PDB file of all heavy atoms in Angstrom:
ATOM      1  N   TYR A   1       8.948  -7.180  16.347  1.00  0.00           N
ATOM      2  CA  TYR A   1       9.660  -6.464  15.330  1.00  0.00           C
ATOM      3  C   TYR A   1       9.084  -6.705  13.879  1.00  0.00           C
ATOM      4  O   TYR A   1       9.403  -5.993  12.961  1.00  0.00           O
ATOM      5  CB  TYR A   1      11.195  -6.990  15.226  1.00  0.00           C
ATOM      6  CG  TYR A   1      11.843  -6.659  16.551  1.00  0.00           C
ATOM      7  CD1 TYR A   1      12.123  -7.705  17.442  1.00  0.00           C
ATOM      8  CD2 TYR A   1      12.273  -5.367  16.818  1.00  0.00           C
ATOM      9  CE1 TYR A   1      12.799  -7.392  18.612  1.00  0.00           C
ATOM     10  CE2 TYR A   1      13.001  -5.113  17.927  1.00  0.00           C
ATOM     11  CZ  TYR A   1      13.264  -6.133  18.939  1.00  0.00           C
ATOM     12  OH  TYR A   1      13.892  -5.788  20.010  1.00  0.00           O
ATOM     13  N   ARG A   2       8.169  -7.554  13.766  1.00  0.00           N
ATOM     14  CA  ARG A   2       7.582  -8.013  12.470  1.00  0.00           C
ATOM     15  C   ARG A   2       6.793  -6.955  11.852  1.00  0.00           C
ATOM     16  O   ARG A   2       6.027  -6.200  12.512  1.00  0.00           O
ATOM     17  CB  ARG A   2       6.826  -9.307  12.574  1.00  0.00           C
ATOM     18  CG  ARG A   2       7.705 -10.518  12.794  1.00  0.00           C
ATOM     19  CD  ARG A   2       6.827 -11.839  12.699  1.00  0.00           C
ATOM     20  NE  ARG A   2       6.317 -12.001  11.453  1.00  0.00           N
ATOM     21  CZ  ARG A   2       6.883 -12.545  10.411  1.00  0.00           C
ATOM     22  NH1 ARG A   2       8.194 -12.837  10.496  1.00  0.00           N
ATOM     23  NH2 ARG A   2       6.389 -12.746   9.183  1.00  0.00           N
ATOM     24  N   LEU A   3       6.888  -6.830  10.534  1.00  0.00           N
ATOM     25  CA  LEU A   3       6.033  -5.892   9.679  1.00  0.00           C
ATOM     26  C   LEU A   3       4.780  -6.648   9.291  1.00  0.00           C
ATOM     27  O   LEU A   3       4.883  -7.893   9.222  1.00  0.00           O
ATOM     28  CB  LEU A   3       6.841  -5.392   8.582  1.00  0.00           C
ATOM     29  CG  LEU A   3       8.080  -4.642   8.888  1.00  0.00           C
ATOM     30  CD1 LEU A   3       8.832  -4.398   7.490  1.00  0.00           C
ATOM     31  CD2 LEU A   3       7.637  -3.277   9.361  1.00  0.00           C
ATOM     32  N   PRO A   4       3.686  -5.971   9.169  1.00  0.00           N
ATOM     33  CA  PRO A   4       2.496  -6.707   8.626  1.00  0.00           C
ATOM     34  C   PRO A   4       2.734  -7.327   7.285  1.00  0.00           C
ATOM     35  O   PRO A   4       3.477  -6.738   6.491  1.00  0.00           O
ATOM     36  CB  PRO A   4       1.486  -5.493   8.464  1.00  0.00           C
ATOM     37  CG  PRO A   4       1.955  -4.373   9.224  1.00  0.00           C
ATOM     38  CD  PRO A   4       3.520  -4.608   9.290  1.00  0.00           C
ATOM     39  N   VAL A   5       2.157  -8.487   7.079  1.00  0.00           N
ATOM     40  CA  VAL A   5       2.319  -9.277   5.875  1.00  0.00           C
ATOM     41  C   VAL A   5       1.698  -8.500   4.725  1.00  0.00           C
ATOM     42  O   VAL A   5       2.223  -8.466   3.604  1.00  0.00           O
ATOM     43  CB  VAL A   5       1.849 -10.652   6.071  1.00  0.00           C
ATOM     44  CG1 VAL A   5       1.875 -11.515   4.723  1.00  0.00           C
ATOM     45  CG2 VAL A   5       2.523 -11.483   7.099  1.00  0.00           C
ATOM     46  N   SER A   6       0.612  -7.871   4.983  1.00  0.00           N
ATOM     47  CA  SER A   6      -0.248  -7.316   3.920  1.00  0.00           C
ATOM     48  C   SER A   6      -0.351  -5.763   4.306  1.00  0.00           C
ATOM     49  O   SER A   6      -0.684  -5.512   5.358  1.00  0.00           O
ATOM     50  CB  SER A   6      -1.564  -7.910   3.794  1.00  0.00           C
ATOM     51  OG  SER A   6      -2.424  -7.273   2.789  1.00  0.00           O
ATOM     52  N   LEU A   7      -0.081  -4.880   3.280  1.00  0.00           N
ATOM     53  CA  LEU A   7      -0.180  -3.491   3.482  1.00  0.00           C
ATOM     54  C   LEU A   7      -1.237  -2.907   2.531  1.00  0.00           C
ATOM     55  O   LEU A   7      -1.360  -3.353   1.325  1.00  0.00           O
ATOM     56  CB  LEU A   7       1.163  -2.848   3.241  1.00  0.00           C
ATOM     57  CG  LEU A   7       2.359  -3.361   4.129  1.00  0.00           C
ATOM     58  CD1 LEU A   7       3.630  -2.862   3.504  1.00  0.00           C
ATOM     59  CD2 LEU A   7       2.128  -3.028   5.440  1.00  0.00           C
ATOM     60  N   ASN A   8      -1.914  -1.936   2.946  1.00  0.00           N
ATOM     61  CA  ASN A   8      -3.008  -1.221   2.207  1.00  0.00           C
ATOM     62  C   ASN A   8      -2.313   0.126   1.608  1.00  0.00           C
ATOM     63  O   ASN A   8      -1.719   0.896   2.388  1.00  0.00           O
ATOM     64  CB  ASN A   8      -4.197  -0.899   3.006  1.00  0.00           C
ATOM     65  CG  ASN A   8      -4.922  -2.160   3.514  1.00  0.00           C
ATOM     66  OD1 ASN A   8      -4.993  -3.116   2.683  1.00  0.00           O
ATOM     67  ND2 ASN A   8      -5.258  -2.084   4.790  1.00  0.00           N
ATOM     68  N   LEU A   9      -2.563   0.307   0.317  1.00  0.00           N
ATOM     69  CA  LEU A   9      -2.053   1.480  -0.346  1.00  0.00           C
ATOM     70  C   LEU A   9      -3.305   2.289  -0.695  1.00  0.00           C
ATOM     71  O   LEU A   9      -4.416   1.831  -0.795  1.00  0.00           O
ATOM     72  CB  LEU A   9      -1.289   1.120  -1.582  1.00  0.00           C
ATOM     73  CG  LEU A   9      -0.116   0.262  -1.350  1.00  0.00           C
ATOM     74  CD1 LEU A   9       0.624  -0.062  -2.739  1.00  0.00           C
ATOM     75  CD2 LEU A   9       0.887   0.887  -0.357  1.00  0.00           C
ATOM     76  N   PRO A  10      -3.089   3.647  -1.147  1.00  0.00           N
ATOM     77  CA  PRO A  10      -4.302   4.420  -1.524  1.00  0.00           C
ATOM     78  C   PRO A  10      -4.822   3.706  -2.745  1.00  0.00           C
ATOM     79  O   PRO A  10      -4.267   3.066  -3.545  1.00  0.00           O
ATOM     80  CB  PRO A  10      -3.659   5.726  -1.933  1.00  0.00           C
ATOM     81  CG  PRO A  10      -2.446   5.836  -1.135  1.00  0.00           C
ATOM     82  CD  PRO A  10      -1.835   4.440  -1.009  1.00  0.00           C
ATOM     83  N   GLN A  11      -6.285   3.823  -2.857  1.00  0.00           N
ATOM     84  CA  GLN A  11      -6.947   3.345  -3.967  1.00  0.00           C
ATOM     85  C   GLN A  11      -6.505   3.891  -5.308  1.00  0.00           C
ATOM     86  O   GLN A  11      -6.080   5.022  -5.330  1.00  0.00           O
ATOM     87  CB  GLN A  11      -8.425   3.442  -3.776  1.00  0.00           C
ATOM     88  CG  GLN A  11      -9.008   2.655  -2.530  1.00  0.00           C
ATOM     89  CD  GLN A  11     -10.538   2.720  -2.489  1.00  0.00           C
ATOM     90  OE1 GLN A  11     -11.115   3.664  -3.040  1.00  0.00           O
ATOM     91  NE2 GLN A  11     -11.077   1.873  -1.745  1.00  0.00           N
ATOM     92  N   LEU A  12      -6.556   3.080  -6.309  1.00  0.00           N
ATOM     93  CA  LEU A  12      -6.192   3.427  -7.634  1.00  0.00           C
ATOM     94  C   LEU A  12      -7.423   3.981  -8.428  1.00  0.00           C
ATOM     95  O   LEU A  12      -8.430   3.130  -8.537  1.00  0.00           O
ATOM     96  CB  LEU A  12      -5.523   2.339  -8.337  1.00  0.00           C
ATOM     97  CG  LEU A  12      -4.917   2.508  -9.685  1.00  0.00           C
ATOM     98  CD1 LEU A  12      -3.817   3.649  -9.645  1.00  0.00           C
ATOM     99  CD2 LEU A  12      -4.325   1.250 -10.293  1.00  0.00           C
ATOM    100  N   ARG A  13      -7.397   5.073  -9.050  1.00  0.00           N
ATOM    101  CA  ARG A  13      -8.476   5.523  -9.844  1.00  0.00           C
ATOM    102  C   ARG A  13      -8.445   4.807 -11.188  1.00  0.00           C
ATOM    103  O   ARG A  13      -7.435   4.802 -11.957  1.00  0.00           O
ATOM    104  CB  ARG A  13      -8.438   6.981 -10.152  1.00  0.00           C
ATOM    105  CG  ARG A  13      -8.720   7.772  -8.947  1.00  0.00           C
ATOM    106  CD  ARG A  13      -8.776   9.413  -9.321  1.00  0.00           C
ATOM    107  NE  ARG A  13      -8.854  10.161  -8.214  1.00  0.00           N
ATOM    108  CZ  ARG A  13     -10.047  10.400  -7.537  1.00  0.00           C
ATOM    109  NH1 ARG A  13     -11.063   9.860  -7.884  1.00  0.00           N
ATOM    110  NH2 ARG A  13     -10.024  11.194  -6.346  1.00  0.00           N
ATOM    111  N   THR A  14      -9.580   4.192 -11.610  1.00  0.00           N
ATOM    112  CA  THR A  14      -9.660   3.516 -12.836  1.00  0.00           C
ATOM    113  C   THR A  14     -10.935   3.943 -13.542  1.00  0.00           C
ATOM    114  O   THR A  14     -11.713   4.725 -12.979  1.00  0.00           O
ATOM    115  CB  THR A  14      -9.706   1.958 -12.694  1.00  0.00           C
ATOM    116  OG1 THR A  14     -11.009   1.667 -11.984  1.00  0.00           O
ATOM    117  CG2 THR A  14      -8.511   1.385 -11.895  1.00  0.00           C
ATOM    118  N   ALA A  15     -11.147   3.551 -14.818  1.00  0.00           N
ATOM    119  CA  ALA A  15     -12.332   3.937 -15.522  1.00  0.00           C
ATOM    120  C   ALA A  15     -13.603   3.426 -14.852  1.00  0.00           C
ATOM    121  O   ALA A  15     -14.553   4.094 -14.927  1.00  0.00           O
ATOM    122  CB  ALA A  15     -12.272   3.451 -17.002  1.00  0.00           C
ATOM    123  N   GLY A  16     -13.519   2.382 -14.148  1.00  0.00           N
ATOM    124  CA  GLY A  16     -14.637   1.822 -13.446  1.00  0.00           C
ATOM    125  C   GLY A  16     -14.836   2.310 -12.064  1.00  0.00           C
ATOM    126  O   GLY A  16     -15.746   1.938 -11.309  1.00  0.00           O
ATOM    127  N   GLY A  17     -14.011   3.251 -11.574  1.00  0.00           N
ATOM    128  CA  GLY A  17     -14.090   3.774 -10.186  1.00  0.00           C
ATOM    129  C   GLY A  17     -12.787   3.677  -9.507  1.00  0.00           C
ATOM    130  O   GLY A  17     -11.759   3.948 -10.124  1.00  0.00           O
ATOM    131  N   LEU A  18     -12.855   3.262  -8.280  1.00  0.00           N
ATOM    132  CA  LEU A  18     -11.634   3.070  -7.394  1.00  0.00           C
ATOM    133  C   LEU A  18     -11.425   1.709  -7.224  1.00  0.00           C
ATOM    134  O   LEU A  18     -12.294   0.870  -6.955  1.00  0.00           O
ATOM    135  CB  LEU A  18     -11.769   3.855  -6.151  1.00  0.00           C
ATOM    136  CG  LEU A  18     -11.884   5.351  -6.076  1.00  0.00           C
ATOM    137  CD1 LEU A  18     -12.128   5.864  -4.756  1.00  0.00           C
ATOM    138  CD2 LEU A  18     -10.583   5.975  -6.703  1.00  0.00           C
ATOM    139  N   SER A  19     -10.072   1.294  -7.329  1.00  0.00           N
ATOM    140  CA  SER A  19      -9.733  -0.135  -7.129  1.00  0.00           C
ATOM    141  C   SER A  19      -8.761  -0.141  -5.867  1.00  0.00           C
ATOM    142  O   SER A  19      -7.794   0.548  -5.803  1.00  0.00           O
ATOM    143  CB  SER A  19      -8.943  -0.754  -8.300  1.00  0.00           C
ATOM    144  OG  SER A  19      -9.767  -0.741  -9.407  1.00  0.00           O
ATOM    145  N   PRO A  20      -9.015  -1.073  -4.896  1.00  0.00           N
ATOM    146  CA  PRO A  20      -8.098  -1.213  -3.828  1.00  0.00           C
ATOM    147  C   PRO A  20      -6.860  -1.821  -4.232  1.00  0.00           C
ATOM    148  O   PRO A  20      -6.674  -2.529  -5.215  1.00  0.00           O
ATOM    149  CB  PRO A  20      -8.840  -2.258  -2.879  1.00  0.00           C
ATOM    150  CG  PRO A  20      -9.850  -3.005  -3.774  1.00  0.00           C
ATOM    151  CD  PRO A  20     -10.146  -2.103  -4.936  1.00  0.00           C
ATOM    152  N   ARG A  21      -5.755  -1.394  -3.508  1.00  0.00           N
ATOM    153  CA  ARG A  21      -4.452  -1.911  -3.775  1.00  0.00           C
ATOM    154  C   ARG A  21      -3.835  -2.305  -2.492  1.00  0.00           C
ATOM    155  O   ARG A  21      -3.888  -1.768  -1.484  1.00  0.00           O
ATOM    156  CB  ARG A  21      -3.522  -0.721  -4.292  1.00  0.00           C
ATOM    157  CG  ARG A  21      -3.886  -0.365  -5.788  1.00  0.00           C
ATOM    158  CD  ARG A  21      -2.869   0.581  -6.276  1.00  0.00           C
ATOM    159  NE  ARG A  21      -2.608   1.771  -5.536  1.00  0.00           N
ATOM    160  CZ  ARG A  21      -1.491   2.584  -5.621  1.00  0.00           C
ATOM    161  NH1 ARG A  21      -0.627   2.285  -6.459  1.00  0.00           N
ATOM    162  NH2 ARG A  21      -1.449   3.639  -4.719  1.00  0.00           N
ATOM    163  N   LYS A  22      -3.135  -3.471  -2.636  1.00  0.00           N
ATOM    164  CA  LYS A  22      -2.358  -4.036  -1.460  1.00  0.00           C
ATOM    165  C   LYS A  22      -1.005  -4.498  -1.937  1.00  0.00           C
ATOM    166  O   LYS A  22      -0.826  -4.700  -3.119  1.00  0.00           O
ATOM    167  CB  LYS A  22      -3.158  -5.327  -0.946  1.00  0.00           C
ATOM    168  CG  LYS A  22      -4.434  -4.913  -0.306  1.00  0.00           C
ATOM    169  CD  LYS A  22      -5.074  -6.211   0.358  1.00  0.00           C
ATOM    170  CE  LYS A  22      -6.412  -5.980   1.095  1.00  0.00           C
ATOM    171  NZ  LYS A  22      -6.246  -5.181   2.284  1.00  0.00           N
ATOM    172  N   CYS A  23      -0.136  -4.585  -0.984  1.00  0.00           N
ATOM    173  CA  CYS A  23       1.192  -5.122  -1.366  1.00  0.00           C
ATOM    174  C   CYS A  23       1.743  -5.906  -0.115  1.00  0.00           C
ATOM    175  O   CYS A  23       1.202  -5.762   0.990  1.00  0.00           O
ATOM    176  CB  CYS A  23       2.205  -4.133  -1.800  1.00  0.00           C
ATOM    177  SG  CYS A  23       2.733  -3.016  -0.505  1.00  0.00           S
ATOM    178  N   GLY A  24       2.771  -6.651  -0.323  1.00  0.00           N
ATOM    179  CA  GLY A  24       3.280  -7.374   0.875  1.00  0.00           C
ATOM    180  C   GLY A  24       4.468  -6.523   1.489  1.00  0.00           C
ATOM    181  O   GLY A  24       4.927  -5.534   0.974  1.00  0.00           O
ATOM    182  N   SER A  25       4.852  -6.995   2.606  1.00  0.00           N
ATOM    183  CA  SER A  25       5.993  -6.215   3.397  1.00  0.00           C
ATOM    184  C   SER A  25       7.202  -6.249   2.676  1.00  0.00           C
ATOM    185  O   SER A  25       8.086  -5.354   2.786  1.00  0.00           O
ATOM    186  CB  SER A  25       6.122  -6.818   4.797  1.00  0.00           C
ATOM    187  OG  SER A  25       6.490  -8.186   4.630  1.00  0.00           O
ATOM    188  N   GLY A  26       7.450  -7.195   1.765  1.00  0.00           N
ATOM    189  CA  GLY A  26       8.654  -7.281   0.941  1.00  0.00           C
ATOM    190  C   GLY A  26       8.692  -6.106  -0.124  1.00  0.00           C
ATOM    191  O   GLY A  26       9.719  -5.991  -0.761  1.00  0.00           O
ATOM    192  N   SER A  27       7.622  -5.475  -0.320  1.00  0.00           N
ATOM    193  CA  SER A  27       7.583  -4.333  -1.345  1.00  0.00           C
ATOM    194  C   SER A  27       7.585  -3.058  -0.596  1.00  0.00           C
ATOM    195  O   SER A  27       7.453  -2.000  -1.376  1.00  0.00           O
ATOM    196  CB  SER A  27       6.267  -4.533  -2.195  1.00  0.00           C
ATOM    197  OG  SER A  27       6.270  -5.744  -2.846  1.00  0.00           O
ATOM    198  N   LEU A  28       7.691  -2.924   0.644  1.00  0.00           N
ATOM    199  CA  LEU A  28       7.649  -1.673   1.339  1.00  0.00           C
ATOM    200  C   LEU A  28       8.688  -0.660   0.740  1.00  0.00           C
ATOM    201  O   LEU A  28       8.463   0.476   0.677  1.00  0.00           O
ATOM    202  CB  LEU A  28       7.956  -1.858   2.848  1.00  0.00           C
ATOM    203  CG  LEU A  28       7.780  -0.647   3.721  1.00  0.00           C
ATOM    204  CD1 LEU A  28       6.388   0.069   3.653  1.00  0.00           C
ATOM    205  CD2 LEU A  28       7.949  -0.973   5.166  1.00  0.00           C
ATOM    206  N   ASN A  29       9.841  -1.211   0.388  1.00  0.00           N
ATOM    207  CA  ASN A  29      10.986  -0.283  -0.130  1.00  0.00           C
ATOM    208  C   ASN A  29      10.460   0.344  -1.284  1.00  0.00           C
ATOM    209  O   ASN A  29      10.780   1.596  -1.505  1.00  0.00           O
ATOM    210  CB  ASN A  29      12.155  -1.242  -0.379  1.00  0.00           C
ATOM    211  CG  ASN A  29      11.997  -2.211  -1.514  1.00  0.00           C
ATOM    212  OD1 ASN A  29      10.969  -2.817  -1.525  1.00  0.00           O
ATOM    213  ND2 ASN A  29      12.996  -2.269  -2.311  1.00  0.00           N
ATOM    214  N   GLN A  30       9.637  -0.273  -2.200  1.00  0.00           N
ATOM    215  CA  GLN A  30       9.174   0.409  -3.405  1.00  0.00           C
ATOM    216  C   GLN A  30       7.998   1.324  -3.112  1.00  0.00           C
ATOM    217  O   GLN A  30       7.908   2.367  -3.779  1.00  0.00           O
ATOM    218  CB  GLN A  30       8.719  -0.746  -4.328  1.00  0.00           C
ATOM    219  CG  GLN A  30       9.863  -1.522  -4.925  1.00  0.00           C
ATOM    220  CD  GLN A  30       9.309  -2.533  -5.950  1.00  0.00           C
ATOM    221  OE1 GLN A  30       8.812  -1.958  -6.961  1.00  0.00           O
ATOM    222  NE2 GLN A  30       9.343  -3.735  -5.649  1.00  0.00           N
ATOM    223  N   VAL A  31       7.145   1.067  -2.145  1.00  0.00           N
ATOM    224  CA  VAL A  31       6.079   1.908  -1.735  1.00  0.00           C
ATOM    225  C   VAL A  31       6.562   3.280  -1.428  1.00  0.00           C
ATOM    226  O   VAL A  31       6.130   4.272  -1.980  1.00  0.00           O
ATOM    227  CB  VAL A  31       5.272   1.368  -0.542  1.00  0.00           C
ATOM    228  CG1 VAL A  31       4.298   2.344  -0.128  1.00  0.00           C
ATOM    229  CG2 VAL A  31       4.663   0.037  -0.960  1.00  0.00           C
ATOM    230  N   TRP A  32       7.604   3.325  -0.567  1.00  0.00           N
ATOM    231  CA  TRP A  32       8.068   4.647  -0.196  1.00  0.00           C
ATOM    232  C   TRP A  32       9.046   5.250  -1.237  1.00  0.00           C
ATOM    233  O   TRP A  32       9.058   6.455  -1.470  1.00  0.00           O
ATOM    234  CB  TRP A  32       8.833   4.512   1.095  1.00  0.00           C
ATOM    235  CG  TRP A  32       7.852   4.364   2.335  1.00  0.00           C
ATOM    236  CD1 TRP A  32       6.599   4.708   2.319  1.00  0.00           C
ATOM    237  CD2 TRP A  32       8.222   3.832   3.485  1.00  0.00           C
ATOM    238  NE1 TRP A  32       6.025   4.341   3.535  1.00  0.00           N
ATOM    239  CE2 TRP A  32       6.988   3.743   4.294  1.00  0.00           C
ATOM    240  CE3 TRP A  32       9.359   3.235   4.135  1.00  0.00           C
ATOM    241  CZ2 TRP A  32       6.911   3.359   5.631  1.00  0.00           C
ATOM    242  CZ3 TRP A  32       9.221   2.791   5.418  1.00  0.00           C
ATOM    243  CH2 TRP A  32       8.082   2.809   6.237  1.00  0.00           C
ATOM    244  N   ARG A  33       9.845   4.405  -1.938  1.00  0.00           N
ATOM    245  CA  ARG A  33      10.724   4.870  -3.053  1.00  0.00           C
ATOM    246  C   ARG A  33       9.824   5.623  -4.099  1.00  0.00           C
ATOM    247  O   ARG A  33      10.391   6.627  -4.608  1.00  0.00           O
ATOM    248  CB  ARG A  33      11.434   3.778  -3.621  1.00  0.00           C
ATOM    249  CG  ARG A  33      12.371   4.157  -4.750  1.00  0.00           C
ATOM    250  CD  ARG A  33      13.079   3.014  -5.544  1.00  0.00           C
ATOM    251  NE  ARG A  33      13.703   2.139  -4.635  1.00  0.00           N
ATOM    252  CZ  ARG A  33      13.685   0.709  -4.759  1.00  0.00           C
ATOM    253  NH1 ARG A  33      13.154   0.190  -5.879  1.00  0.00           N
ATOM    254  NH2 ARG A  33      14.285   0.037  -3.949  1.00  0.00           N
ATOM    255  N   TYR A  34       8.833   5.158  -4.373  1.00  0.00           N
ATOM    256  CA  TYR A  34       7.999   5.745  -5.560  1.00  0.00           C
ATOM    257  C   TYR A  34       6.947   6.667  -5.013  1.00  0.00           C
ATOM    258  O   TYR A  34       5.992   7.095  -5.790  1.00  0.00           O
ATOM    259  CB  TYR A  34       7.462   4.684  -6.425  1.00  0.00           C
ATOM    260  CG  TYR A  34       8.528   3.871  -7.049  1.00  0.00           C
ATOM    261  CD1 TYR A  34       8.713   2.534  -6.825  1.00  0.00           C
ATOM    262  CD2 TYR A  34       9.533   4.520  -7.880  1.00  0.00           C
ATOM    263  CE1 TYR A  34       9.696   1.773  -7.371  1.00  0.00           C
ATOM    264  CE2 TYR A  34      10.500   3.690  -8.528  1.00  0.00           C
ATOM    265  CZ  TYR A  34      10.645   2.374  -8.164  1.00  0.00           C
ATOM    266  OH  TYR A  34      11.600   1.674  -8.823  1.00  0.00           O
ATOM    267  N   GLY A  35       7.013   7.131  -3.838  1.00  0.00           N
ATOM    268  CA  GLY A  35       6.250   8.242  -3.260  1.00  0.00           C
ATOM    269  C   GLY A  35       4.767   7.812  -2.789  1.00  0.00           C
ATOM    270  O   GLY A  35       3.963   8.666  -2.551  1.00  0.00           O
ATOM    271  N   SER A  36       4.502   6.507  -2.608  1.00  0.00           N
ATOM    272  CA  SER A  36       3.157   6.165  -2.156  1.00  0.00           C
ATOM    273  C   SER A  36       3.156   6.238  -0.601  1.00  0.00           C
ATOM    274  O   SER A  36       4.252   6.688  -0.063  1.00  0.00           O
ATOM    275  CB  SER A  36       2.811   4.868  -2.635  1.00  0.00           C
ATOM    276  OG  SER A  36       1.418   4.622  -2.409  1.00  0.00           O
ATOM    277  N   LYS A  37       2.203   5.748  -0.039  1.00  0.00           N
ATOM    278  CA  LYS A  37       2.115   5.700   1.440  1.00  0.00           C
ATOM    279  C   LYS A  37       1.259   4.476   1.824  1.00  0.00           C
ATOM    280  O   LYS A  37       0.406   3.871   1.005  1.00  0.00           O
ATOM    281  CB  LYS A  37       1.549   6.905   2.036  1.00  0.00           C
ATOM    282  CG  LYS A  37       0.132   7.242   1.572  1.00  0.00           C
ATOM    283  CD  LYS A  37      -0.336   8.538   2.244  1.00  0.00           C
ATOM    284  CE  LYS A  37      -1.832   8.698   1.740  1.00  0.00           C
ATOM    285  NZ  LYS A  37      -2.445   9.773   2.389  1.00  0.00           N
ATOM    286  N   CYS A  38       1.397   3.989   3.019  1.00  0.00           N
ATOM    287  CA  CYS A  38       0.610   2.900   3.533  1.00  0.00           C
ATOM    288  C   CYS A  38      -0.627   3.454   4.374  1.00  0.00           C
ATOM    289  O   CYS A  38      -0.342   4.501   5.084  1.00  0.00           O
ATOM    290  CB  CYS A  38       1.427   2.001   4.386  1.00  0.00           C
ATOM    291  SG  CYS A  38       2.639   1.049   3.445  1.00  0.00           S
ATOM    292  N   GLU A  39      -1.625   2.797   4.364  1.00  0.00           N
ATOM    293  CA  GLU A  39      -2.844   3.300   5.090  1.00  0.00           C
ATOM    294  C   GLU A  39      -3.322   2.302   6.071  1.00  0.00           C
ATOM    295  O   GLU A  39      -2.816   1.133   6.250  1.00  0.00           O
ATOM    296  CB  GLU A  39      -3.871   3.513   3.961  1.00  0.00           C
ATOM    297  CG  GLU A  39      -3.606   4.590   2.997  1.00  0.00           C
ATOM    298  CD  GLU A  39      -4.775   4.834   2.010  1.00  0.00           C
ATOM    299  OE1 GLU A  39      -5.555   3.876   1.810  1.00  0.00           O
ATOM    300  OE2 GLU A  39      -4.802   5.975   1.541  1.00  0.00           O
ATOM    301  N   HIS A  40      -4.222   2.720   6.916  1.00  0.00           N
ATOM    302  CA  HIS A  40      -4.813   1.961   7.987  1.00  0.00           C
ATOM    303  C   HIS A  40      -4.986   0.449   7.565  1.00  0.00           C
ATOM    304  O   HIS A  40      -5.406   0.119   6.428  1.00  0.00           O
ATOM    305  CB  HIS A  40      -6.115   2.513   8.394  1.00  0.00           C
ATOM    306  CG  HIS A  40      -6.754   1.827   9.602  1.00  0.00           C
ATOM    307  ND1 HIS A  40      -6.369   2.074  10.849  1.00  0.00           N
ATOM    308  CD2 HIS A  40      -7.768   0.949   9.734  1.00  0.00           C
ATOM    309  CE1 HIS A  40      -7.000   1.297  11.722  1.00  0.00           C
ATOM    310  NE2 HIS A  40      -7.905   0.651  11.001  1.00  0.00           N
ATOM    311  N   PRO A  41      -4.715  -0.572   8.329  1.00  0.00           N
ATOM    312  CA  PRO A  41      -4.348  -0.415   9.768  1.00  0.00           C
ATOM    313  C   PRO A  41      -2.865  -0.139  10.110  1.00  0.00           C
ATOM    314  O   PRO A  41      -2.511   0.117  11.143  1.00  0.00           O
ATOM    315  CB  PRO A  41      -4.857  -1.784  10.392  1.00  0.00           C
ATOM    316  CG  PRO A  41      -4.639  -2.663   9.269  1.00  0.00           C
ATOM    317  CD  PRO A  41      -4.951  -1.944   8.012  1.00  0.00           C
ATOM    318  N   ALA A  42      -2.044  -0.435   9.080  1.00  0.00           N
ATOM    319  CA  ALA A  42      -0.585  -0.216   9.289  1.00  0.00           C
ATOM    320  C   ALA A  42      -0.197   0.973   8.388  1.00  0.00           C
ATOM    321  O   ALA A  42       0.232   0.822   7.305  1.00  0.00           O
ATOM    322  CB  ALA A  42       0.206  -1.437   8.815  1.00  0.00           C
ATOM    323  N   ASP A  43      -0.318   2.130   8.989  1.00  0.00           N
ATOM    324  CA  ASP A  43       0.034   3.433   8.232  1.00  0.00           C
ATOM    325  C   ASP A  43       1.547   3.654   8.333  1.00  0.00           C
ATOM    326  O   ASP A  43       2.212   2.898   9.019  1.00  0.00           O
ATOM    327  CB  ASP A  43      -0.873   4.610   8.624  1.00  0.00           C
ATOM    328  CG  ASP A  43      -0.666   4.955  10.072  1.00  0.00           C
ATOM    329  OD1 ASP A  43       0.415   4.558  10.705  1.00  0.00           O
ATOM    330  OD2 ASP A  43      -1.375   5.720  10.676  1.00  0.00           O
ATOM    331  N   ASP A  44       1.958   4.691   7.583  1.00  0.00           N
ATOM    332  CA  ASP A  44       3.354   4.992   7.619  1.00  0.00           C
ATOM    333  C   ASP A  44       3.846   5.228   9.019  1.00  0.00           C
ATOM    334  O   ASP A  44       5.044   4.822   9.343  1.00  0.00           O
ATOM    335  CB  ASP A  44       3.642   6.202   6.798  1.00  0.00           C
ATOM    336  CG  ASP A  44       3.411   5.960   5.284  1.00  0.00           C
ATOM    337  OD1 ASP A  44       3.464   4.783   4.926  1.00  0.00           O
ATOM    338  OD2 ASP A  44       3.375   6.926   4.464  1.00  0.00           O
TER     339      ASP A  44
END
């Protein structure tokens, strides 16, 4: 039943290019609330 500890989000565009984004499973409620999505290996 466990959720992955670390989740991958779409990369963030910055002036220097793309930056990877990660969050913990405790932030999953915010990921979906604010319209983001999770990516491989644990996608939505």
